[in-house]
């Protein structure tokens, strides 16, 4: 199996419609070499971060909403076709803005999967609403569209979808349910930057979306996020909340003579220094996606034999989706097998890891949230999933070490 086959012979789909030419040198440099410990994640640097940071620091241009922020926003809008983007200090804060913008509060309910990070639920819980958990699909580990209707009550004020590993549910189906019940659909797209549903960018489909640029994500700024406003009716509400509850945006657009406090709000502007680090990362989005996609495909081909024997299950990317290859995970037959494999890989100096503890089983979930029916897929996924090391510049040697360790575990 050569690297070209790994790029173009994906199990589920090609890396992208076309591998960027800029990715070829990096892909061709992945030669077999002695390999030490394989980390779970490694930050990929484009080589432009230092000069971008210097342009801000040396010029003293550290005020928020400066050139670096404008550069990052322009990339998000032009590359992904987003209509309105606000950079935020974190994805968590972008999520927390959602209920404030939508007017969700005490006594309201918001439907979401239990298989997600606690920030998804905290965002609405802090506003006084009750998260209502539903199960996920076994193929994508994203919200089960068929479980939503039964969870809706007169208190339901939103459906919050979570895009796991850069893959989504059938968003047309969920949007139809939301529209029929007169409630908004919002997106936790923390893992979805640069991924698509039917040529529409994840994070740009619901009324609001949230991105993450945490150091564990594909495109990083150390910490950082973005709030996408896809419903024009929410523009001023989102900007007011982001600007401490003032109508500052309208003032700078000449719509009011002076700005003042008009609503509850917070301070959600991203630091210009963080934006300067983020901008080159965003500009390398296609390159990073291609590199991660090649690595994803290489794993899939290397582990296909074990999957055919039924010893593990490979991840699925539906035909309607175009992934950003954020995670490569395998599903084992039992928690006992998963835990033994995890210990074996660690002994081989391979840093694989599990993922979410389902929120419905966490202390806060039990005490403050509601679960709509049984969640067997969520619970099985939490018990049996193993995530493998995946990052843009992972080498062939590192991936071969991971694959050979898994083969040795099963085949001896």
Protein backbone atom coordinates (compact mmCIF):
# COMPACT_ATOMS: atom_id res chain seq x y z
CA UNK A 1 0.00 0.00 0.00
CA UNK A 2 1.60 3.30 -1.05
CA UNK A 3 0.72 6.75 0.24
CA UNK A 4 -1.07 7.72 -2.96
CA UNK A 5 -3.47 4.85 -2.39
CA UNK A 6 -3.97 6.01 1.18
CA UNK A 7 -4.87 9.47 -0.09
CA UNK A 8 -7.17 8.48 -2.92
CA UNK A 9 -8.43 5.06 -1.89
CA UNK A 10 -10.44 5.99 1.18
CA UNK A 11 -12.75 3.43 2.69
CA UNK A 12 -15.53 5.99 3.03
CA UNK A 13 -14.63 8.92 0.77
CA UNK A 14 -11.67 10.82 -0.72
CA UNK A 15 -9.73 13.22 1.47
CA UNK A 16 -11.45 16.09 -0.26
CA UNK A 17 -12.65 16.55 -3.80
CA UNK A 18 -9.06 17.31 -4.69
CA UNK A 19 -5.91 17.03 -2.60
CA UNK A 20 -4.25 20.46 -2.51
CA UNK A 21 -0.91 20.57 -4.30
CA UNK A 22 0.60 22.11 -1.18
CA UNK A 23 -0.05 18.86 0.68
CA UNK A 24 2.03 16.70 -1.64
CA UNK A 25 5.52 17.53 -0.29
CA UNK A 26 4.40 16.93 3.27
CA UNK A 27 2.73 13.67 2.29
CA UNK A 28 5.73 12.46 0.29
CA UNK A 29 8.05 13.16 3.25
CA UNK A 30 6.37 10.50 5.39
CA UNK A 31 9.13 7.92 5.11
CA UNK A 32 9.72 4.87 7.27
CA UNK A 33 11.98 5.87 10.15
CA UNK A 34 12.80 4.74 13.70
CA UNK A 35 9.84 5.58 15.87
CA UNK A 36 9.70 6.47 19.55
CA UNK A 37 6.57 6.95 21.65
CA UNK A 38 3.52 7.93 19.59
CA UNK A 39 1.59 10.80 21.22
CA UNK A 40 -2.16 11.05 20.92
CA UNK A 41 -1.94 14.58 19.53
CA UNK A 42 0.74 16.91 18.21
CA UNK A 43 0.14 20.52 17.19
CA UNK A 44 0.83 21.20 13.52
CA UNK A 45 2.60 24.50 12.80
CA UNK A 46 2.26 26.11 9.39
CA UNK A 47 5.47 28.15 9.72
CA UNK A 48 3.59 31.45 9.53
CA UNK A 49 2.51 31.75 13.16
CA UNK A 50 5.67 33.54 14.35
CA UNK A 51 5.54 36.30 11.74
CA UNK A 52 1.80 36.74 12.26
CA UNK A 53 2.30 37.16 16.00
CA UNK A 54 5.20 39.53 15.42
CA UNK A 55 3.08 41.77 13.23
CA UNK A 56 0.73 42.29 16.15
CA UNK A 57 3.25 42.49 18.99
CA UNK A 58 5.82 44.69 17.26
CA UNK A 59 3.21 47.07 15.93
CA UNK A 60 1.44 47.37 19.26
CA UNK A 61 -1.82 46.46 17.55
CA UNK A 62 -3.29 44.46 20.40
CA UNK A 63 -6.75 46.02 20.56
CA UNK A 64 -9.52 43.52 19.89
CA UNK A 65 -11.24 43.42 16.49
CA UNK A 66 -8.03 44.42 14.76
CA UNK A 67 -6.37 43.25 11.56
CA UNK A 68 -5.58 39.75 12.80
CA UNK A 69 -9.20 39.16 13.82
CA UNK A 70 -10.42 40.54 10.50
CA UNK A 71 -8.00 38.23 8.68
CA UNK A 72 -9.21 35.16 10.58
CA UNK A 73 -12.87 36.04 10.06
CA UNK A 74 -12.34 36.63 6.34
CA UNK A 75 -10.80 33.17 5.96
CA UNK A 76 -13.74 31.54 7.75
CA UNK A 77 -16.24 33.43 5.63
CA UNK A 78 -14.50 32.98 2.28
CA UNK A 79 -13.40 29.35 2.71
CA UNK A 80 -16.58 28.08 4.34
CA UNK A 81 -19.17 30.48 2.96
CA UNK A 82 -20.29 31.68 6.39
CA UNK A 83 -22.38 34.85 6.51
CA UNK A 84 -21.50 36.23 9.96
CA UNK A 85 -18.77 35.14 12.39
CA UNK A 86 -17.80 36.43 15.84
CA UNK A 87 -14.47 35.24 17.24
CA UNK A 88 -14.68 34.29 20.91
CA UNK A 89 -12.20 33.40 23.67
CA UNK A 90 -13.39 29.77 23.58
CA UNK A 91 -15.98 27.48 22.07
CA UNK A 92 -17.48 27.11 25.55
CA UNK A 93 -18.24 30.84 25.64
CA UNK A 94 -19.68 30.70 22.12
CA UNK A 95 -22.02 27.94 23.29
CA UNK A 96 -22.96 29.90 26.40
CA UNK A 97 -23.97 32.82 24.19
CA UNK A 98 -26.57 30.70 22.39
CA UNK A 99 -29.31 30.57 25.05
CA UNK A 100 -28.81 34.28 25.80
CA UNK A 101 -29.25 35.19 22.14
CA UNK A 102 -32.24 32.88 21.75
CA UNK A 103 -33.94 33.94 24.97
CA UNK A 104 -33.77 30.46 26.52
CA UNK A 105 -33.94 30.39 30.30
CA UNK A 106 -35.56 28.96 33.42
CA UNK A 107 -38.13 26.26 32.82
CA UNK A 108 -37.06 25.66 29.21
CA UNK A 109 -35.61 22.45 27.79
CA UNK A 110 -32.99 21.86 25.12
CA UNK A 111 -32.52 18.49 23.38
CA UNK A 112 -28.95 17.28 22.85
CA UNK A 113 -26.96 14.02 22.78
CA UNK A 114 -25.52 12.66 26.00
CA UNK A 115 -22.39 11.65 24.09
CA UNK A 116 -20.71 15.06 24.13
CA UNK A 117 -18.48 17.23 26.29
CA UNK A 118 -20.00 18.92 29.31
CA UNK A 119 -19.69 22.40 27.75
CA UNK A 120 -22.67 21.58 25.52
CA UNK A 121 -24.93 21.00 28.52
CA UNK A 122 -23.37 23.66 30.76
CA UNK A 123 -24.16 26.34 28.20
CA UNK A 124 -27.90 25.86 28.63
CA UNK A 125 -27.83 24.80 32.27
CA UNK A 126 -26.14 28.07 33.24
CA UNK A 127 -29.01 29.93 31.56
CA UNK A 128 -31.49 28.04 33.73
CA UNK A 129 -32.66 25.55 31.09
CA UNK A 130 -32.73 21.76 31.40
CA UNK A 131 -30.65 19.66 28.99
CA UNK A 132 -32.63 16.68 27.69
CA UNK A 133 -30.45 13.80 26.50
CA UNK A 134 -31.20 11.50 23.56
CA UNK A 135 -29.26 8.61 22.08
CA UNK A 136 -26.81 8.70 19.18
CA UNK A 137 -26.61 6.71 15.95
CA UNK A 138 -24.27 3.69 16.00
CA UNK A 139 -22.61 4.66 12.71
CA UNK A 140 -21.81 8.35 13.25
CA UNK A 141 -22.13 8.65 17.05
CA UNK A 142 -24.17 11.80 16.43
CA UNK A 143 -27.75 12.56 17.45
CA UNK A 144 -30.26 9.89 16.46
CA UNK A 145 -32.81 11.72 14.36
CA UNK A 146 -35.48 9.15 15.25
CA UNK A 147 -35.12 9.84 18.98
CA UNK A 148 -35.89 13.56 18.82
CA UNK A 149 -39.69 13.60 18.45
CA UNK A 150 -40.26 11.59 21.62
CA UNK A 151 -38.11 14.01 23.61
CA UNK A 152 -40.01 17.14 22.55
CA UNK A 153 -42.39 18.69 25.09
CA UNK A 154 -44.11 22.11 25.34
CA UNK A 155 -40.98 23.20 27.25
CA UNK A 156 -38.60 22.39 24.39
CA UNK A 157 -36.99 25.57 23.07
CA UNK A 158 -34.12 24.26 20.92
CA UNK A 159 -32.38 21.23 19.45
CA UNK A 160 -28.60 21.31 19.83
CA UNK A 161 -26.84 18.92 17.46
CA UNK A 162 -23.23 17.91 18.12
CA UNK A 163 -20.95 16.99 15.24
CA UNK A 164 -18.74 14.18 16.48
CA UNK A 165 -15.30 13.64 14.94
CA UNK A 166 -16.13 16.00 12.05
CA UNK A 167 -19.22 14.03 11.01
CA UNK A 168 -22.88 14.97 11.39
CA UNK A 169 -26.37 13.52 11.52
CA UNK A 170 -28.93 14.00 8.74
CA UNK A 171 -29.29 17.74 9.33
CA UNK A 172 -32.12 18.18 6.82
CA UNK A 173 -34.19 15.72 8.81
CA UNK A 174 -33.42 17.44 12.12
CA UNK A 175 -34.05 20.91 10.66
CA UNK A 176 -37.43 19.70 9.40
CA UNK A 177 -38.36 18.47 12.89
CA UNK A 178 -37.24 21.76 14.43
CA UNK A 179 -39.18 23.83 11.90
CA UNK A 180 -42.32 21.78 12.35
CA UNK A 181 -42.23 22.41 16.09
CA UNK A 182 -41.23 26.07 15.72
CA UNK A 183 -37.92 25.76 17.58
CA UNK A 184 -34.39 26.62 16.46
CA UNK A 185 -31.66 24.11 15.63
CA UNK A 186 -28.19 25.11 16.84
CA UNK A 187 -24.86 23.42 16.23
CA UNK A 188 -22.06 22.46 18.58
CA UNK A 189 -19.47 22.27 15.81
CA UNK A 190 -16.46 22.25 18.11
CA UNK A 191 -15.10 19.29 16.13
CA UNK A 192 -16.61 20.35 12.82
CA UNK A 193 -14.51 23.20 11.42
CA UNK A 194 -13.89 22.50 7.74
CA UNK A 195 -16.35 19.61 7.53
CA UNK A 196 -19.52 19.60 5.44
CA UNK A 197 -23.07 18.31 5.14
CA UNK A 198 -24.10 18.18 1.47
CA UNK A 199 -21.63 20.94 0.57
CA UNK A 200 -22.83 23.13 3.44
CA UNK A 201 -20.28 23.83 6.19
CA UNK A 202 -20.94 22.39 9.61
CA UNK A 203 -21.54 25.31 11.93
CA UNK A 204 -23.19 27.24 9.11
CA UNK A 205 -26.51 25.40 8.93
CA UNK A 206 -28.42 25.91 12.19
CA UNK A 207 -29.57 29.28 13.50
CA UNK A 208 -26.32 29.50 15.47
CA UNK A 209 -23.09 27.49 15.50
CA UNK A 210 -20.01 27.22 17.70
CA UNK A 211 -16.43 26.35 16.68
CA UNK A 212 -13.40 25.41 18.77
CA UNK A 213 -9.74 26.27 18.17
CA UNK A 214 -8.54 24.54 21.33
CA UNK A 215 -5.08 23.00 21.09
CA UNK A 216 -6.63 19.52 20.68
CA UNK A 217 -8.56 20.49 17.53
CA UNK A 218 -7.53 20.42 13.86
CA UNK A 219 -6.96 24.19 13.63
CA UNK A 220 -5.55 25.65 16.81
CA UNK A 221 -4.93 28.88 18.66
CA UNK A 222 -4.14 27.33 22.04
CA UNK A 223 -7.61 28.35 23.12
CA UNK A 224 -10.32 30.12 21.16
CA UNK A 225 -13.64 29.75 19.43
CA UNK A 226 -16.20 31.35 17.17
CA UNK A 227 -19.94 31.97 17.16
CA UNK A 228 -21.55 31.73 13.73
CA UNK A 229 -24.81 33.61 13.19
CA UNK A 230 -26.67 32.01 10.30
CA UNK A 231 -30.09 33.52 11.02
CA UNK A 232 -29.97 37.26 10.14
CA UNK A 233 -32.65 38.01 12.73
CA UNK A 234 -30.11 37.15 15.44
CA UNK A 235 -27.30 39.44 14.25
CA UNK A 236 -27.89 42.37 16.60
CA UNK A 237 -28.82 40.16 19.54
CA UNK A 238 -25.58 38.19 19.19
CA UNK A 239 -23.42 41.28 18.77
CA UNK A 240 -25.06 43.04 21.70
CA UNK A 241 -24.43 40.07 23.97
CA UNK A 242 -20.83 39.78 22.77
CA UNK A 243 -20.24 43.52 23.38
CA UNK A 244 -21.23 43.42 27.08
CA UNK A 245 -24.89 44.02 26.33
CA UNK A 246 -24.32 47.28 24.44
CA UNK A 247 -25.45 48.29 20.96
CA UNK A 248 -21.87 49.13 20.01
CA UNK A 249 -22.22 47.47 16.61
CA UNK A 250 -25.12 49.69 15.64
CA UNK A 251 -23.14 52.73 16.81
CA UNK A 252 -20.17 51.95 14.58
CA UNK A 253 -22.54 51.38 11.67
CA UNK A 254 -24.08 54.82 12.21
CA UNK A 255 -27.45 53.44 13.23
CA UNK A 256 -27.45 55.17 16.65
CA UNK A 257 -25.85 58.40 17.86
CA UNK A 258 -24.21 56.74 20.86
CA UNK A 259 -24.10 53.25 22.23
CA UNK A 260 -25.50 52.18 25.55
CA UNK A 261 -26.50 49.16 27.63
CA UNK A 262 -29.48 47.51 25.93
CA UNK A 263 -29.43 43.85 27.03
CA UNK A 264 -27.65 41.35 29.28
CA UNK A 265 -24.22 40.65 27.89
CA UNK A 266 -20.65 39.54 28.35
CA UNK A 267 -17.17 40.22 26.98
CA UNK A 268 -16.65 37.67 24.23
CA UNK A 269 -14.04 39.20 21.91
CA UNK A 270 -11.03 37.05 21.04
CA UNK A 271 -7.63 38.51 21.94
CA UNK A 272 -5.86 39.96 18.91
CA UNK A 273 -2.76 37.94 19.82
CA UNK A 274 -4.76 34.72 19.76
CA UNK A 275 -6.32 35.75 16.44
CA UNK A 276 -2.84 36.34 15.01
CA UNK A 277 -1.88 32.75 15.84
CA UNK A 278 -5.20 31.44 14.51
CA UNK A 279 -5.21 33.18 11.12
CA UNK A 280 -2.34 31.17 9.54
CA UNK A 281 -3.89 27.97 10.85
CA UNK A 282 -7.18 28.80 9.14
CA UNK A 283 -5.36 29.67 5.92
CA UNK A 284 -3.82 26.18 5.98
CA UNK A 285 -7.23 24.52 6.43
CA UNK A 286 -7.13 22.57 3.15
CA UNK A 287 -3.56 21.38 3.73
CA UNK A 288 -4.28 20.26 7.29
CA UNK A 289 -7.47 18.48 6.24
CA UNK A 290 -5.64 16.67 3.44
CA UNK A 291 -2.85 15.52 5.74
CA UNK A 292 -5.30 14.30 8.37
CA UNK A 293 -7.38 12.62 5.68
CA UNK A 294 -4.39 10.71 4.34
CA UNK A 295 -3.58 9.52 7.85
CA UNK A 296 -7.23 8.55 8.43
CA UNK A 297 -7.30 6.51 5.22
CA UNK A 298 -3.99 4.83 6.05
CA UNK A 299 -5.40 3.62 9.37
CA UNK A 300 -8.58 2.42 7.67
CA UNK A 301 -6.65 0.34 5.15
CA UNK A 302 -4.22 -0.98 7.71
CA UNK A 303 -7.00 -2.15 10.04
CA UNK A 304 -9.45 -3.38 7.40
CA UNK A 305 -8.44 -7.01 7.79
CA UNK A 306 -9.18 -6.97 11.53
CA UNK A 307 -12.50 -5.28 10.85
CA UNK A 308 -13.45 -7.97 8.33
CA UNK A 309 -12.75 -10.61 10.97
CA UNK A 310 -15.19 -8.81 13.27
CA UNK A 311 -12.61 -7.95 15.91
CA UNK A 312 -13.19 -4.22 15.66
CA UNK A 313 -15.43 -1.72 13.87
CA UNK A 314 -14.02 1.15 11.83
CA UNK A 315 -15.56 4.64 11.80
CA UNK A 316 -18.17 5.55 9.21
CA UNK A 317 -18.53 8.68 7.10
CA UNK A 318 -22.02 8.81 5.48
CA UNK A 319 -22.32 9.63 1.79
CA UNK A 320 -23.92 12.98 2.63
CA UNK A 321 -20.94 14.08 4.74
CA UNK A 322 -17.46 15.40 4.02
CA UNK A 323 -15.31 14.95 7.10
CA UNK A 324 -12.44 17.02 8.46
CA UNK A 325 -10.97 13.82 9.94
CA UNK A 326 -10.83 15.10 13.48
CA UNK A 327 -10.85 11.65 15.11
CA UNK A 328 -10.08 8.09 14.07
CA UNK A 329 -11.73 5.69 16.48
CA UNK A 330 -12.30 1.97 16.60
CA UNK A 331 -15.09 0.17 18.41
CA UNK A 332 -14.29 -3.05 20.25
CA UNK A 333 -16.63 -5.92 21.09
CA UNK A 334 -16.62 -5.21 24.83
CA UNK A 335 -15.29 -2.85 27.46
CA UNK A 336 -12.98 -5.61 28.71
CA UNK A 337 -11.40 -5.96 25.26
CA UNK A 338 -11.14 -2.19 24.88
CA UNK A 339 -9.41 -1.81 28.24
CA UNK A 340 -6.97 -4.65 27.53
CA UNK A 341 -6.10 -3.16 24.14
CA UNK A 342 -5.66 0.27 25.70
CA UNK A 343 -3.23 -1.16 28.27
CA UNK A 344 -1.38 -3.07 25.54
CA UNK A 345 -0.97 0.02 23.39
CA UNK A 346 0.31 2.03 26.32
CA UNK A 347 2.86 -0.69 27.00
CA UNK A 348 3.91 -0.26 23.36
CA UNK A 349 4.32 3.51 23.93
CA UNK A 350 1.23 4.32 21.86
CA UNK A 351 -0.99 6.95 23.49
CA UNK A 352 -4.49 5.87 22.50
CA UNK A 353 -7.39 7.03 24.64
CA UNK A 354 -11.09 6.64 25.36
CA UNK A 355 -13.56 9.52 25.13
CA UNK A 356 -16.66 10.98 26.78
CA UNK A 357 -18.27 9.75 29.96
CA UNK A 358 -21.95 10.05 28.93
CA UNK A 359 -23.44 13.17 30.45
CA UNK A 360 -26.62 11.44 31.56
CA UNK A 361 -24.55 9.23 33.88
CA UNK A 362 -22.39 12.04 35.28
CA UNK A 363 -23.30 13.51 38.69
CA UNK A 364 -24.48 16.80 37.17
CA UNK A 365 -26.49 14.99 34.52
CA UNK A 366 -28.24 12.85 37.10
CA UNK A 367 -29.01 15.82 39.34
CA UNK A 368 -29.97 18.54 36.86
CA UNK A 369 -30.84 17.04 33.47
CA UNK A 370 -33.44 14.77 31.93
CA UNK A 371 -32.94 11.65 29.83
CA UNK A 372 -35.48 10.81 27.14
CA UNK A 373 -35.58 7.03 27.15
CA UNK A 374 -32.77 4.49 27.18
CA UNK A 375 -29.43 5.40 25.60
CA UNK A 376 -27.88 2.02 24.73
CA UNK A 377 -25.72 3.22 21.83
CA UNK A 378 -24.30 6.05 23.92
CA UNK A 379 -23.43 3.72 26.78
CA UNK A 380 -21.92 1.05 24.52
CA UNK A 381 -19.85 3.65 22.65
CA UNK A 382 -18.45 5.07 25.87
CA UNK A 383 -17.52 1.59 27.05
CA UNK A 384 -16.08 0.16 23.84
CA UNK A 385 -14.50 3.08 21.92
CA UNK A 386 -10.79 3.67 21.51
CA UNK A 387 -9.36 6.74 19.77
CA UNK A 388 -6.05 6.35 17.94
CA UNK A 389 -3.31 8.98 17.57
CA UNK A 390 -4.17 11.30 14.68
CA UNK A 391 -2.60 14.63 13.75
CA UNK A 392 -1.58 16.37 10.56
CA UNK A 393 2.11 15.47 10.59
CA UNK A 394 1.87 11.95 11.98
CA UNK A 395 4.49 9.89 10.15
CA UNK A 396 4.09 6.63 8.29
CA UNK A 397 6.38 5.05 10.84
CA UNK A 398 4.22 6.25 13.72
CA UNK A 399 1.05 4.95 12.11
CA UNK A 400 2.67 1.61 11.25
CA UNK A 401 3.68 1.27 14.90
CA UNK A 402 0.06 1.83 15.98
CA UNK A 403 -1.36 -0.58 13.39
CA UNK A 404 1.21 -3.30 14.07
CA UNK A 405 0.58 -3.05 17.81
CA UNK A 406 -3.17 -3.56 17.27
CA UNK A 407 -2.52 -6.46 14.88
CA UNK A 408 -0.18 -8.05 17.41
CA UNK A 409 -2.80 -7.73 20.13
CA UNK A 410 -5.34 -9.69 18.07
CA UNK A 411 -3.13 -11.98 15.99
CA UNK A 412 -0.23 -12.57 18.34
